[in-house]
PDB file of N, CA and C in Angstrom:
ATOM      1  N   MET A   1       0.895  -1.331  -0.605  1.00  0.00           N
ATOM      2  CA  MET A   1       0.109   0.119  -0.126  1.00  0.00           C
ATOM      3  C   MET A   1       1.014   1.209   0.159  1.00  0.00           C
ATOM      4  N   LEU A   2       0.445   2.510  -0.898  1.00  0.00           N
ATOM      5  CA  LEU A   2       1.289   3.604  -1.033  1.00  0.00           C
ATOM      6  C   LEU A   2       0.478   4.538  -0.425  1.00  0.00           C
ATOM      7  N   ILE A   3       0.944   5.441   0.053  1.00  0.00           N
ATOM      8  CA  ILE A   3       0.547   6.739   0.704  1.00  0.00           C
ATOM      9  C   ILE A   3       1.131   7.797  -0.271  1.00  0.00           C
ATOM     10  N   GLU A   4       0.298   8.831  -0.352  1.00  0.00           N
ATOM     11  CA  GLU A   4       1.532  10.014  -1.159  1.00  0.00           C
ATOM     12  C   GLU A   4       1.666  11.186  -0.246  1.00  0.00           C
ATOM     13  N   GLN A   5       2.763  11.666   0.666  1.00  0.00           N
ATOM     14  CA  GLN A   5       2.679  12.774   0.904  1.00  0.00           C
ATOM     15  C   GLN A   5       3.505  13.806   0.229  1.00  0.00           C
ATOM     16  N   TRP A   6       3.318  14.873   0.244  1.00  0.00           N
ATOM     17  CA  TRP A   6       4.121  15.650  -0.104  1.00  0.00           C
ATOM     18  C   TRP A   6       4.318  16.104  -1.642  1.00  0.00           C
ATOM     19  N   GLY A   7       3.557  15.080  -2.260  1.00  0.00           N
ATOM     20  CA  GLY A   7       3.476  15.146  -3.839  1.00  0.00           C
ATOM     21  C   GLY A   7       4.785  13.884  -4.223  1.00  0.00           C
ATOM     22  N   LYS A   8       4.987  13.121  -2.948  1.00  0.00           N
ATOM     23  CA  LYS A   8       5.889  11.767  -2.901  1.00  0.00           C
ATOM     24  C   LYS A   8       5.013  10.888  -2.615  1.00  0.00           C
ATOM     25  N   ILE A   9       5.643   9.856  -3.343  1.00  0.00           N
ATOM     26  CA  ILE A   9       4.568   8.248  -3.476  1.00  0.00           C
ATOM     27  C   ILE A   9       5.227   7.602  -2.029  1.00  0.00           C
ATOM     28  N   MET A  10       4.959   7.608  -0.771  1.00  0.00           N
ATOM     29  CA  MET A  10       5.487   6.824   0.261  1.00  0.00           C
ATOM     30  C   MET A  10       5.213   5.262   0.546  1.00  0.00           C
ATOM     31  N   ALA A  11       6.000   4.192   1.075  1.00  0.00           N
ATOM     32  CA  ALA A  11       5.309   2.919   1.233  1.00  0.00           C
ATOM     33  C   ALA A  11       5.227   2.986   2.608  1.00  0.00           C
ATOM     34  N   ASN A  12       3.846   2.526   2.654  1.00  0.00           N
ATOM     35  CA  ASN A  12       3.332   2.280   3.872  1.00  0.00           C
ATOM     36  C   ASN A  12       3.781   0.821   4.343  1.00  0.00           C
ATOM     37  N   ILE A  13       4.165  -0.159   3.660  1.00  0.00           N
ATOM     38  CA  ILE A  13       4.396  -1.656   4.202  1.00  0.00           C
ATOM     39  C   ILE A  13       5.480  -1.812   4.216  1.00  0.00           C
ATOM     40  N   LYS A  14       6.216  -2.506   4.872  1.00  0.00           N
ATOM     41  CA  LYS A  14       7.743  -2.847   4.868  1.00  0.00           C
ATOM     42  C   LYS A  14       8.311  -3.813   4.008  1.00  0.00           C
ATOM     43  N   SER A  15       7.349  -4.330   3.223  1.00  0.00           N
ATOM     44  CA  SER A  15       7.872  -5.307   2.073  1.00  0.00           C
ATOM     45  C   SER A  15       8.146  -4.334   0.717  1.00  0.00           C
ATOM     46  N   ALA A  16       6.964  -3.529   0.872  1.00  0.00           N
ATOM     47  CA  ALA A  16       6.736  -2.183  -0.416  1.00  0.00           C
ATOM     48  C   ALA A  16       8.161  -1.023   0.227  1.00  0.00           C
ATOM     49  N   LYS A  17       8.827  -1.190   1.159  1.00  0.00           N
ATOM     50  CA  LYS A  17       9.120  -0.137   1.327  1.00  0.00           C
ATOM     51  C   LYS A  17      10.846  -1.012   1.103  1.00  0.00           C
ATOM     52  N   LYS A  18      11.158  -2.022   0.790  1.00  0.00           N
ATOM     53  CA  LYS A  18      11.812  -2.843   0.487  1.00  0.00           C
ATOM     54  C   LYS A  18      11.953  -3.230  -1.095  1.00  0.00           C
ATOM     55  N   ARG A  19      10.798  -2.857  -1.605  1.00  0.00           N
ATOM     56  CA  ARG A  19      10.716  -3.452  -3.108  1.00  0.00           C
ATOM     57  C   ARG A  19      11.303  -2.054  -3.842  1.00  0.00           C
ATOM     58  N   ILE A  20      10.947  -1.199  -3.186  1.00  0.00           N
ATOM     59  CA  ILE A  20      11.377   0.569  -3.755  1.00  0.00           C
ATOM     60  C   ILE A  20      12.506   0.863  -3.628  1.00  0.00           C
ATOM     61  N   LYS A  21      13.343  -0.060  -2.019  1.00  0.00           N
ATOM     62  CA  LYS A  21      15.036   0.262  -2.660  1.00  0.00           C
ATOM     63  C   LYS A  21      15.513  -0.676  -4.002  1.00  0.00           C
ATOM     64  N   VAL A  22      15.158  -1.791  -3.515  1.00  0.00           N
ATOM     65  CA  VAL A  22      15.707  -3.024  -4.497  1.00  0.00           C
ATOM     66  C   VAL A  22      15.167  -2.193  -6.304  1.00  0.00           C
ATOM     67  N   ALA A  23      14.460  -1.544  -6.672  1.00  0.00           N
ATOM     68  CA  ALA A  23      13.889  -1.358  -7.568  1.00  0.00           C
ATOM     69  C   ALA A  23      14.971  -0.126  -7.906  1.00  0.00           C
ATOM     70  N   ALA A  24      15.274   0.639  -7.174  1.00  0.00           N
ATOM     71  CA  ALA A  24      15.937   1.906  -7.369  1.00  0.00           C
ATOM     72  C   ALA A  24      17.569   1.044  -7.310  1.00  0.00           C
ATOM     73  N   LYS A  25      17.903   0.432  -6.695  1.00  0.00           N
ATOM     74  CA  LYS A  25      19.142  -0.370  -7.122  1.00  0.00           C
ATOM     75  C   LYS A  25      19.259  -0.698  -8.301  1.00  0.00           C
ATOM     76  N   LYS A  26      18.551  -1.656  -8.850  1.00  0.00           N
ATOM     77  CA  LYS A  26      18.649  -2.410 -10.437  1.00  0.00           C
ATOM     78  C   LYS A  26      18.022  -1.469 -11.351  1.00  0.00           C
ATOM     79  N   THR A  27      17.583  -0.470 -10.968  1.00  0.00           N
ATOM     80  CA  THR A  27      17.740   0.979 -12.206  1.00  0.00           C
ATOM     81  C   THR A  27      19.143   1.110 -12.188  1.00  0.00           C
ATOM     82  N   ALA A  28      19.693   1.742 -11.254  1.00  0.00           N
ATOM     83  CA  ALA A  28      20.943   2.328 -11.430  1.00  0.00           C
ATOM     84  C   ALA A  28      21.705   1.348 -12.036  1.00  0.00           C
ATOM     85  N   LYS A  29      21.872   0.073 -11.854  1.00  0.00           N
ATOM     86  CA  LYS A  29      22.495  -1.221 -12.177  1.00  0.00           C
ATOM     87  C   LYS A  29      22.636  -0.904 -13.844  1.00  0.00           C
ATOM     88  N   ASN A  30      21.048  -1.217 -14.420  1.00  0.00           N
ATOM     89  CA  ASN A  30      21.026  -1.171 -15.558  1.00  0.00           C
ATOM     90  C   ASN A  30      21.121   0.202 -16.454  1.00  0.00           C
ATOM     91  N   LYS A  31      21.263   1.446 -15.701  1.00  0.00           N
ATOM     92  CA  LYS A  31      21.678   2.886 -16.507  1.00  0.00           C
ATOM     93  C   LYS A  31      22.747   2.384 -16.680  1.00  0.00           C
ATOM     94  N   LYS A  32      24.027   1.821 -15.916  1.00  0.00           N
ATOM     95  CA  LYS A  32      24.922   2.199 -15.984  1.00  0.00           C
ATOM     96  C   LYS A  32      25.531   0.870 -17.123  1.00  0.00           C
ATOM     97  N   ILE A  33      24.853   0.102 -16.602  1.00  0.00           N
ATOM     98  CA  ILE A  33      25.338  -0.895 -18.095  1.00  0.00           C
ATOM     99  C   ILE A  33      24.939  -0.310 -19.400  1.00  0.00           C
ATOM    100  N   LYS A  34      23.745   0.277 -19.554  1.00  0.00           N
ATOM    101  CA  LYS A  34      23.259   0.950 -20.783  1.00  0.00           C
ATOM    102  C   LYS A  34      24.141   1.895 -20.955  1.00  0.00           C
ATOM    103  N   ASN A  35      25.048   2.521 -20.194  1.00  0.00           N
ATOM    104  CA  ASN A  35      25.620   3.888 -20.624  1.00  0.00           C
ATOM    105  C   ASN A  35      27.340   3.464 -20.916  1.00  0.00           C
ATOM    106  N   ASP A  36      27.342   2.490 -20.210  1.00  0.00           N
ATOM    107  CA  ASP A  36      28.396   2.107 -20.977  1.00  0.00           C
ATOM    108  C   ASP A  36      28.525   1.154 -22.067  1.00  0.00           C
ATOM    109  N   LEU A  37      27.079   0.816 -22.726  1.00  0.00           N
ATOM    110  CA  LEU A  37      27.137  -0.048 -23.934  1.00  0.00           C
ATOM    111  C   LEU A  37      27.359   1.201 -25.010  1.00  0.00           C
ATOM    112  N   LYS A  38      26.630   2.288 -24.743  1.00  0.00           N
ATOM    113  CA  LYS A  38      26.639   3.414 -25.294  1.00  0.00           C
ATOM    114  C   LYS A  38      27.668   4.095 -25.570  1.00  0.00           C
ATOM    115  N   ALA A  39      28.490   4.278 -24.997  1.00  0.00           N
ATOM    116  CA  ALA A  39      29.959   4.718 -25.299  1.00  0.00           C
ATOM    117  C   ALA A  39      30.797   3.428 -25.846  1.00  0.00           C
ATOM    118  N   ILE A  40      30.874   2.299 -25.686  1.00  0.00           N
ATOM    119  CA  ILE A  40      31.828   1.617 -26.227  1.00  0.00           C
ATOM    120  C   ILE A  40      31.110   1.622 -27.699  1.00  0.00           C
ATOM    121  N   MET A  41      29.513   1.842 -27.766  1.00  0.00           N
ATOM    122  CA  MET A  41      29.247   1.689 -29.337  1.00  0.00           C
ATOM    123  C   MET A  41      29.773   3.129 -30.321  1.00  0.00           C
ATOM    124  N   LYS A  42      29.786   4.272 -29.034  1.00  0.00           N
ATOM    125  CA  LYS A  42      29.893   5.431 -29.839  1.00  0.00           C
ATOM    126  C   LYS A  42      31.449   4.911 -30.522  1.00  0.00           C
ATOM    127  N   ASP A  43      32.274   4.499 -30.110  1.00  0.00           N
ATOM    128  CA  ASP A  43      33.776   4.594 -29.474  1.00  0.00           C
ATOM    129  C   ASP A  43      34.036   3.537 -30.956  1.00  0.00           C
ATOM    130  N   PHE A  44      33.207   2.327 -31.399  1.00  0.00           N
ATOM    131  CA  PHE A  44      32.804   2.040 -32.655  1.00  0.00           C
ATOM    132  C   PHE A  44      32.659   2.350 -33.670  1.00  0.00           C
ATOM    133  N   ASP A  45      31.856   3.525 -33.785  1.00  0.00           N
ATOM    134  CA  ASP A  45      31.376   4.108 -34.528  1.00  0.00           C
ATOM    135  C   ASP A  45      32.111   5.600 -35.058  1.00  0.00           C
ATOM    136  N   ALA A  46      33.217   5.776 -34.181  1.00  0.00           N
ATOM    137  CA  ALA A  46      34.278   6.411 -34.308  1.00  0.00           C
ATOM    138  C   ALA A  46      35.702   6.026 -35.242  1.00  0.00           C
ATOM    139  N   ALA A  47      36.160   4.591 -35.098  1.00  0.00           N
ATOM    140  CA  ALA A  47      36.613   4.186 -35.336  1.00  0.00           C
ATOM    141  C   ALA A  47      36.008   3.549 -37.061  1.00  0.00           C
ATOM    142  N   ILE A  48      35.109   2.995 -36.786  1.00  0.00           N
ATOM    143  CA  ILE A  48      34.619   3.147 -38.423  1.00  0.00           C
ATOM    144  C   ILE A  48      34.613   4.240 -39.237  1.00  0.00           C
ATOM    145  N   ALA A  49      33.890   5.314 -38.860  1.00  0.00           N
ATOM    146  CA  ALA A  49      34.600   6.537 -39.482  1.00  0.00           C
ATOM    147  C   ALA A  49      35.886   7.262 -39.957  1.00  0.00           C
ATOM    148  N   ALA A  50      36.467   6.655 -38.785  1.00  0.00           N
ATOM    149  CA  ALA A  50      37.880   7.316 -39.199  1.00  0.00           C
ATOM    150  C   ALA A  50      38.472   6.016 -40.269  1.00  0.00           C
ATOM    151  N   GLY A  51      38.169   5.234 -40.184  1.00  0.00           N
ATOM    152  CA  GLY A  51      38.163   4.052 -41.566  1.00  0.00           C
ATOM    153  C   GLY A  51      39.653   3.339 -40.637  1.00  0.00           C
ATOM    154  N   ASP A  52      39.560   3.086 -39.248  1.00  0.00           N
ATOM    155  CA  ASP A  52      40.729   2.211 -39.124  1.00  0.00           C
ATOM    156  C   ASP A  52      39.740   0.823 -38.280  1.00  0.00           C
ATOM    157  N   VAL A  53      40.440   0.010 -39.241  1.00  0.00           N
ATOM    158  CA  VAL A  53      40.033  -1.094 -39.026  1.00  0.00           C
ATOM    159  C   VAL A  53      40.312  -2.021 -38.263  1.00  0.00           C
ATOM    160  N   GLU A  54      41.718  -1.564 -37.708  1.00  0.00           N
ATOM    161  CA  GLU A  54      42.147  -3.038 -36.593  1.00  0.00           C
ATOM    162  C   GLU A  54      41.784  -2.210 -35.011  1.00  0.00           C
ATOM    163  N   THR A  55      41.314  -0.937 -35.165  1.00  0.00           N
ATOM    164  CA  THR A  55      40.709  -0.531 -33.793  1.00  0.00           C
ATOM    165  C   THR A  55      39.237  -0.288 -34.279  1.00  0.00           C
ATOM    166  N   ALA A  56      38.718  -0.867 -35.018  1.00  0.00           N
ATOM    167  CA  ALA A  56      36.907  -1.232 -35.377  1.00  0.00           C
ATOM    168  C   ALA A  56      37.452  -2.756 -34.429  1.00  0.00           C
ATOM    169  N   GLU A  57      37.905  -3.263 -35.140  1.00  0.00           N
ATOM    170  CA  GLU A  57      37.751  -4.865 -34.967  1.00  0.00           C
ATOM    171  C   GLU A  57      37.721  -5.070 -33.119  1.00  0.00           C
ATOM    172  N   ALA A  58      39.196  -4.201 -32.863  1.00  0.00           N
ATOM    173  CA  ALA A  58      38.814  -4.609 -30.910  1.00  0.00           C
ATOM    174  C   ALA A  58      37.493  -3.928 -30.387  1.00  0.00           C
ATOM    175  N   LYS A  59      37.295  -3.235 -31.049  1.00  0.00           N
ATOM    176  CA  LYS A  59      35.698  -2.198 -30.750  1.00  0.00           C
ATOM    177  C   LYS A  59      34.878  -3.392 -30.797  1.00  0.00           C
ATOM    178  N   ARG A  60      34.658  -3.900 -32.050  1.00  0.00           N
ATOM    179  CA  ARG A  60      33.275  -4.783 -32.107  1.00  0.00           C
ATOM    180  C   ARG A  60      33.442  -5.970 -30.890  1.00  0.00           C
ATOM    181  N   THR A  61      35.030  -6.275 -30.932  1.00  0.00           N
ATOM    182  CA  THR A  61      35.017  -7.516 -30.125  1.00  0.00           C
ATOM    183  C   THR A  61      34.816  -7.081 -28.733  1.00  0.00           C
ATOM    184  N   GLU A  62      34.779  -5.742 -28.369  1.00  0.00           N
ATOM    185  CA  GLU A  62      34.755  -5.621 -26.821  1.00  0.00           C
ATOM    186  C   GLU A  62      33.005  -5.151 -26.718  1.00  0.00           C
ATOM    187  N   ALA A  63      32.718  -4.703 -27.903  1.00  0.00           N
ATOM    188  CA  ALA A  63      31.113  -4.428 -28.029  1.00  0.00           C
ATOM    189  C   ALA A  63      30.001  -5.682 -27.735  1.00  0.00           C
ATOM    190  N   GLU A  64      30.712  -6.446 -28.812  1.00  0.00           N
ATOM    191  CA  GLU A  64      29.659  -7.911 -28.609  1.00  0.00           C
ATOM    192  C   GLU A  64      29.888  -8.528 -26.971  1.00  0.00           C
ATOM    193  N   LYS A  65      31.327  -8.824 -26.828  1.00  0.00           N
ATOM    194  CA  LYS A  65      31.290  -9.131 -25.048  1.00  0.00           C
ATOM    195  C   LYS A  65      30.437  -8.655 -24.773  1.00  0.00           C
ATOM    196  N   GLN A  66      30.314  -6.583 -24.586  1.00  0.00           N
ATOM    197  CA  GLN A  66      29.121  -6.402 -23.422  1.00  0.00           C
ATOM    198  C   GLN A  66      27.968  -6.447 -23.564  1.00  0.00           C
ATOM    199  N   LEU A  67      27.585  -6.478 -25.009  1.00  0.00           N
ATOM    200  CA  LEU A  67      26.140  -7.006 -25.087  1.00  0.00           C
ATOM    201  C   LEU A  67      25.880  -8.353 -24.574  1.00  0.00           C
ATOM    202  N   MET A  68      26.197  -9.295 -25.040  1.00  0.00           N
ATOM    203  CA  MET A  68      26.076 -10.466 -24.791  1.00  0.00           C
ATOM    204  C   MET A  68      26.253 -10.283 -22.645  1.00  0.00           C
ATOM    205  N   LYS A  69      26.793 -10.050 -22.252  1.00  0.00           N
ATOM    206  CA  LYS A  69      26.698  -9.679 -20.723  1.00  0.00           C
ATOM    207  C   LYS A  69      25.507  -9.132 -20.343  1.00  0.00           C
ATOM    208  N   ALA A  70      25.093  -8.276 -20.974  1.00  0.00           N
ATOM    209  CA  ALA A  70      24.088  -7.433 -20.586  1.00  0.00           C
ATOM    210  C   ALA A  70      22.315  -8.018 -20.850  1.00  0.00           C
ATOM    211  N   ALA A  71      22.603  -9.005 -22.278  1.00  0.00           N
ATOM    212  CA  ALA A  71      21.536 -10.073 -22.439  1.00  0.00           C
ATOM    213  C   ALA A  71      21.439 -11.060 -21.295  1.00  0.00           C
ATOM    214  N   ARG A  72      22.499 -11.622 -20.903  1.00  0.00           N
ATOM    215  CA  ARG A  72      22.680 -12.447 -19.769  1.00  0.00           C
ATOM    216  C   ARG A  72      22.051 -12.238 -18.615  1.00  0.00           C
ATOM    217  N   LYS A  73      22.399 -10.915 -17.612  1.00  0.00           N
ATOM    218  CA  LYS A  73      21.775 -10.085 -16.747  1.00  0.00           C
ATOM    219  C   LYS A  73      20.397  -9.743 -17.581  1.00  0.00           C
ATOM    220  N   SER A  74      19.969 -10.053 -18.084  1.00  0.00           N
ATOM    221  CA  SER A  74      18.561  -9.594 -18.855  1.00  0.00           C
ATOM    222  C   SER A  74      18.024  -7.712 -19.015  1.00  0.00           C
ATOM    223  N   THR A  75      19.371  -7.070 -19.009  1.00  0.00           N
ATOM    224  CA  THR A  75      19.474  -5.630 -18.881  1.00  0.00           C
ATOM    225  C   THR A  75      18.585  -4.981 -20.386  1.00  0.00           C
ATOM    226  N   ILE A  76      19.561  -6.160 -21.335  1.00  0.00           N
ATOM    227  CA  ILE A  76      18.508  -5.879 -22.786  1.00  0.00           C
ATOM    228  C   ILE A  76      18.239  -7.222 -22.923  1.00  0.00           C
ATOM    229  N   SER A  77      17.153  -7.444 -23.962  1.00  0.00           N
ATOM    230  CA  SER A  77      17.019  -8.429 -24.837  1.00  0.00           C
ATOM    231  C   SER A  77      17.720  -9.273 -25.270  1.00  0.00           C
ATOM    232  N   LYS A  78      17.820 -10.533 -24.914  1.00  0.00           N
ATOM    233  CA  LYS A  78      18.758 -11.390 -26.237  1.00  0.00           C
ATOM    234  C   LYS A  78      18.484 -10.767 -27.253  1.00  0.00           C
ATOM    235  N   GLN A  79      17.758 -10.720 -28.127  1.00  0.00           N
ATOM    236  CA  GLN A  79      17.313 -10.256 -29.335  1.00  0.00           C
ATOM    237  C   GLN A  79      17.982  -9.433 -30.057  1.00  0.00           C
ATOM    238  N   SER A  80      17.925  -8.538 -28.978  1.00  0.00           N
ATOM    239  CA  SER A  80      18.193  -7.139 -29.458  1.00  0.00           C
ATOM    240  C   SER A  80      19.774  -7.048 -29.196  1.00  0.00           C
ATOM    241  N   ALA A  81      20.628  -7.774 -28.384  1.00  0.00           N
ATOM    242  CA  ALA A  81      21.903  -7.946 -28.397  1.00  0.00           C
ATOM    243  C   ALA A  81      22.368  -8.671 -29.775  1.00  0.00           C
ATOM    244  N   SER A  82      21.362  -9.613 -30.044  1.00  0.00           N
ATOM    245  CA  SER A  82      21.973 -10.150 -31.239  1.00  0.00           C
ATOM    246  C   SER A  82      21.904  -8.905 -32.415  1.00  0.00           C
ATOM    247  N   HIS A  83      20.750  -8.492 -32.568  1.00  0.00           N
ATOM    248  CA  HIS A  83      20.854  -7.632 -33.195  1.00  0.00           C
ATOM    249  C   HIS A  83      21.797  -6.320 -33.545  1.00  0.00           C
ATOM    250  N   HIS A  84      21.905  -6.196 -32.486  1.00  0.00           N
ATOM    251  CA  HIS A  84      23.429  -4.699 -32.545  1.00  0.00           C
ATOM    252  C   HIS A  84      24.601  -5.984 -32.768  1.00  0.00           C
ATOM    253  N   VAL A  85      25.060  -6.657 -32.578  1.00  0.00           N
ATOM    254  CA  VAL A  85      26.143  -7.298 -33.065  1.00  0.00           C
ATOM    255  C   VAL A  85      26.130  -7.728 -34.301  1.00  0.00           C
ATOM    256  N   SER A  86      24.884  -7.886 -34.811  1.00  0.00           N
ATOM    257  CA  SER A  86      25.206  -8.464 -36.231  1.00  0.00           C
ATOM    258  C   SER A  86      25.276  -7.080 -37.233  1.00  0.00           C
ATOM    259  N   HIS A  87      24.797  -6.028 -36.391  1.00  0.00           N
ATOM    260  CA  HIS A  87      24.890  -5.162 -37.225  1.00  0.00           C
ATOM    261  C   HIS A  87      26.102  -4.311 -37.339  1.00  0.00           C
ATOM    262  N   VAL A  88      26.834  -4.603 -35.821  1.00  0.00           N
ATOM    263  CA  VAL A  88      28.151  -3.992 -35.872  1.00  0.00           C
ATOM    264  C   VAL A  88      28.945  -4.774 -36.592  1.00  0.00           C
ATOM    265  N   THR A  89      28.823  -6.454 -37.010  1.00  0.00           N
ATOM    266  CA  THR A  89      29.895  -6.938 -37.657  1.00  0.00           C
ATOM    267  C   THR A  89      29.627  -6.645 -39.196  1.00  0.00           C
ATOM    268  N   LYS A  90      28.265  -6.260 -39.749  1.00  0.00           N
ATOM    269  CA  LYS A  90      28.288  -5.559 -40.855  1.00  0.00           C
ATOM    270  C   LYS A  90      28.957  -4.803 -41.392  1.00  0.00           C
ATOM    271  N   ARG A  91      28.697  -3.969 -40.541  1.00  0.00           N
ATOM    272  CA  ARG A  91      29.559  -2.286 -40.268  1.00  0.00           C
ATOM    273  C   ARG A  91      30.968  -2.639 -40.764  1.00  0.00           C
ATOM    274  N   LEU A  92      31.797  -3.441 -39.624  1.00  0.00           N
ATOM    275  CA  LEU A  92      33.229  -4.110 -39.779  1.00  0.00           C
ATOM    276  C   LEU A  92      33.644  -4.609 -40.898  1.00  0.00           C
ATOM    277  N   ASN A  93      32.616  -5.863 -41.686  1.00  0.00           N
ATOM    278  CA  ASN A  93      32.880  -6.097 -42.760  1.00  0.00           C
ATOM    279  C   ASN A  93      32.887  -5.486 -43.781  1.00  0.00           C
ATOM    280  N   ALA A  94      31.690  -3.947 -44.070  1.00  0.00           N
ATOM    281  CA  ALA A  94      31.486  -3.699 -45.203  1.00  0.00           C
ATOM    282  C   ALA A  94      33.248  -2.346 -45.260  1.00  0.00           C
ATOM    283  N   LEU A  95      33.217  -2.483 -43.975  1.00  0.00           N
ATOM    284  CA  LEU A  95      34.725  -1.134 -44.120  1.00  0.00           C
ATOM    285  C   LEU A  95      35.630  -2.169 -44.784  1.00  0.00           C
ATOM    286  N   LYS A  96      36.208  -3.297 -44.192  1.00  0.00           N
ATOM    287  CA  LYS A  96      36.850  -4.371 -44.526  1.00  0.00           C
ATOM    288  C   LYS A  96      37.017  -4.486 -46.279  1.00  0.00           C
ATOM    289  N   GLU A  97      35.782  -4.330 -46.551  1.00  0.00           N
ATOM    290  CA  GLU A  97      35.733  -4.539 -48.154  1.00  0.00           C
ATOM    291  C   GLU A  97      36.257  -3.491 -49.083  1.00  0.00           C
ATOM    292  N   ALA A  98      36.055  -2.476 -48.450  1.00  0.00           N
ATOM    293  CA  ALA A  98      36.372  -1.447 -49.073  1.00  0.00           C
ATOM    294  C   ALA A  98      37.795  -0.749 -48.544  1.00  0.00           C
ATOM    295  N   LYS A  99      38.360  -1.258 -48.033  1.00  0.00           N
ATOM    296  CA  LYS A  99      39.905  -1.190 -47.720  1.00  0.00           C
ATOM    297  C   LYS A  99      40.356  -1.651 -49.115  1.00  0.00           C
TER     298      LYS A  99
END
């Protein structure tokens, strides 16, 4: 049961208070993982834009590892992780063919 007090929703039952804390921790953890993924993808995009095949290969490997880790921890879906890995690999292969 939740009670609204001064514009904030306050839990009234002990288990509800705990769920609020647990949800906040999970949200923070998932947010960090997603932000890290975005940073890795930006690094990969920069390597592709620069035409640096070696750096792009390293970033693709790192991106795949982090995407699959996020999927295992249910931060993102397995299908989404596979889609991103496929997209990154296609872009890397296109860069290799262009060189």
